[in-house]
C-alpha atoms as a PDB file:
ATOM      1  CA  MET A   1     -62.319  23.864  -6.913  1.00  0.00           C
ATOM      2  CA  LYS A   2     -65.336  25.638  -5.559  1.00  0.00           C
ATOM      3  CA  PRO A   3     -64.646  27.860  -2.555  1.00  0.00           C
ATOM      4  CA  LYS A   4     -66.143  27.198   0.889  1.00  0.00           C
ATOM      5  CA  ILE A   5     -67.360  23.621   0.231  1.00  0.00           C
ATOM      6  CA  HIS A   6     -64.327  21.653   1.408  1.00  0.00           C
ATOM      7  CA  PRO A   7     -63.626  20.876   5.090  1.00  0.00           C
ATOM      8  CA  ARG A   8     -60.619  22.422   6.794  1.00  0.00           C
ATOM      9  CA  TRP A   9     -57.412  20.401   6.706  1.00  0.00           C
ATOM     10  CA  ASN A  10     -55.756  20.353  10.152  1.00  0.00           C
ATOM     11  CA  VAL A  11     -52.533  19.038  11.606  1.00  0.00           C
ATOM     12  CA  THR A  12     -53.896  16.225  13.770  1.00  0.00           C
ATOM     13  CA  ASN A  13     -52.527  14.493  16.857  1.00  0.00           C
ATOM     14  CA  VAL A  14     -53.134  10.742  16.674  1.00  0.00           C
ATOM     15  CA  THR A  15     -53.074   8.835  19.976  1.00  0.00           C
ATOM     16  CA  CYS A  16     -52.964   5.034  20.055  1.00  0.00           C
ATOM     17  CA  SER A  17     -54.209   2.878  22.913  1.00  0.00           C
ATOM     18  CA  CYS A  18     -50.604   1.659  23.383  1.00  0.00           C
ATOM     19  CA  GLY A  19     -49.582   5.232  24.246  1.00  0.00           C
ATOM     20  CA  SER A  20     -47.821   6.080  20.996  1.00  0.00           C
ATOM     21  CA  THR A  21     -48.568   9.491  19.453  1.00  0.00           C
ATOM     22  CA  PHE A  22     -47.782  11.044  16.092  1.00  0.00           C
ATOM     23  CA  GLN A  23     -48.984  13.873  13.890  1.00  0.00           C
ATOM     24  CA  THR A  24     -50.695  13.662  10.519  1.00  0.00           C
ATOM     25  CA  GLY A  25     -53.175  15.633   8.466  1.00  0.00           C
ATOM     26  CA  SER A  26     -56.937  15.182   8.803  1.00  0.00           C
ATOM     27  CA  THR A  27     -60.232  17.030   8.898  1.00  0.00           C
ATOM     28  CA  GLN A  28     -60.504  16.190  12.605  1.00  0.00           C
ATOM     29  CA  LYS A  29     -58.347  17.821  15.268  1.00  0.00           C
ATOM     30  CA  ASN A  30     -57.613  14.770  17.462  1.00  0.00           C
ATOM     31  CA  LEU A  31     -57.856  11.074  16.662  1.00  0.00           C
ATOM     32  CA  ARG A  32     -57.748   8.065  18.959  1.00  0.00           C
ATOM     33  CA  VAL A  33     -56.928   4.692  17.414  1.00  0.00           C
ATOM     34  CA  GLU A  34     -56.684   1.169  18.812  1.00  0.00           C
ATOM     35  CA  ILE A  35     -53.752  -0.046  16.709  1.00  0.00           C
ATOM     36  CA  CYS A  36     -50.858   1.823  15.132  1.00  0.00           C
ATOM     37  CA  SER A  37     -47.606   0.852  13.419  1.00  0.00           C
ATOM     38  CA  ALA A  38     -45.834   0.803  16.792  1.00  0.00           C
ATOM     39  CA  CYS A  39     -48.015  -1.996  18.202  1.00  0.00           C
ATOM     40  CA  HIS A  40     -49.447  -3.840  15.167  1.00  0.00           C
ATOM     41  CA  PRO A  41     -48.034  -7.396  14.863  1.00  0.00           C
ATOM     42  CA  PHE A  42     -47.234  -6.994  11.158  1.00  0.00           C
ATOM     43  CA  TYR A  43     -44.952  -4.019  11.792  1.00  0.00           C
ATOM     44  CA  THR A  44     -43.408  -5.297  15.029  1.00  0.00           C
ATOM     45  CA  GLY A  45     -42.548  -8.709  13.558  1.00  0.00           C
ATOM     46  CA  LYS A  46     -44.464 -10.637  16.204  1.00  0.00           C
ATOM     47  CA  GLN A  47     -46.876 -12.373  13.841  1.00  0.00           C
ATOM     48  CA  LYS A  48     -48.165 -15.777  14.812  1.00  0.00           C
ATOM     49  CA  ALA A  49     -47.660 -18.199  11.942  1.00  0.00           C
ATOM     50  CA  SER A  50     -48.031 -21.272  14.162  1.00  0.00           C
ATOM     51  CA  ALA A  51     -51.837 -21.274  13.880  1.00  0.00           C
ATOM     52  CA  ALA A  52     -51.650 -21.736  10.109  1.00  0.00           C
ATOM     53  CA  HIS A  53     -48.947 -24.359  10.539  1.00  0.00           C
ATOM     54  CA  GLY A  54     -51.261 -26.537  12.616  1.00  0.00           C
ATOM     55  CA  GLN A  55     -53.982 -26.324   9.977  1.00  0.00           C
ATOM     56  CA  VAL A  56     -51.556 -27.464   7.275  1.00  0.00           C
ATOM     57  CA  GLU A  57     -50.586 -30.481   9.376  1.00  0.00           C
ATOM     58  CA  LYS A  58     -54.253 -31.401   9.884  1.00  0.00           C
ATOM     59  CA  PHE A  59     -54.872 -31.185   6.138  1.00  0.00           C
ATOM     60  CA  ASN A  60     -51.878 -33.389   5.366  1.00  0.00           C
ATOM     61  CA  GLN A  61     -53.033 -35.987   7.900  1.00  0.00           C
ATOM     62  CA  ARG A  62     -56.510 -36.107   6.329  1.00  0.00           C
ATOM     63  CA  LEU A  63     -54.975 -36.360   2.881  1.00  0.00           C
ATOM     64  CA  ASN A  64     -52.744 -39.264   3.937  1.00  0.00           C
ATOM     65  CA  LYS A  65     -55.695 -41.153   5.458  1.00  0.00           C
ATOM     66  CA  LYS A  66     -57.745 -40.941   2.253  1.00  0.00           C
ATOM     67  CA  ALA A  67     -54.958 -41.774  -0.201  1.00  0.00           C
ATOM     68  CA  PRO A  68     -55.080 -45.435  -1.299  1.00  0.00           C
ATOM     69  CA  THR A  69     -51.886 -47.383  -0.815  1.00  0.00           C
ATOM     70  CA  LYS A  70     -50.178 -48.754  -3.919  1.00  0.00           C
ATOM     71  CA  SER A  71     -48.814 -52.294  -3.763  1.00  0.00           C
END
């Protein structure tokens, strides 16, 4: 590697809008983020699958209306 062309690597304090803080490495000294693993729905297990469920029901209803009945 060439000397004096790379940015400094710092131990960085990351602060989330939920109040959670942790340390990581970065070229910046302090970072502020909106979502972290402590408050993201995927990591907390509070995902909303009901919205997709309603769309599946709507699709099935449309499909049943269009299907011809066999006698």
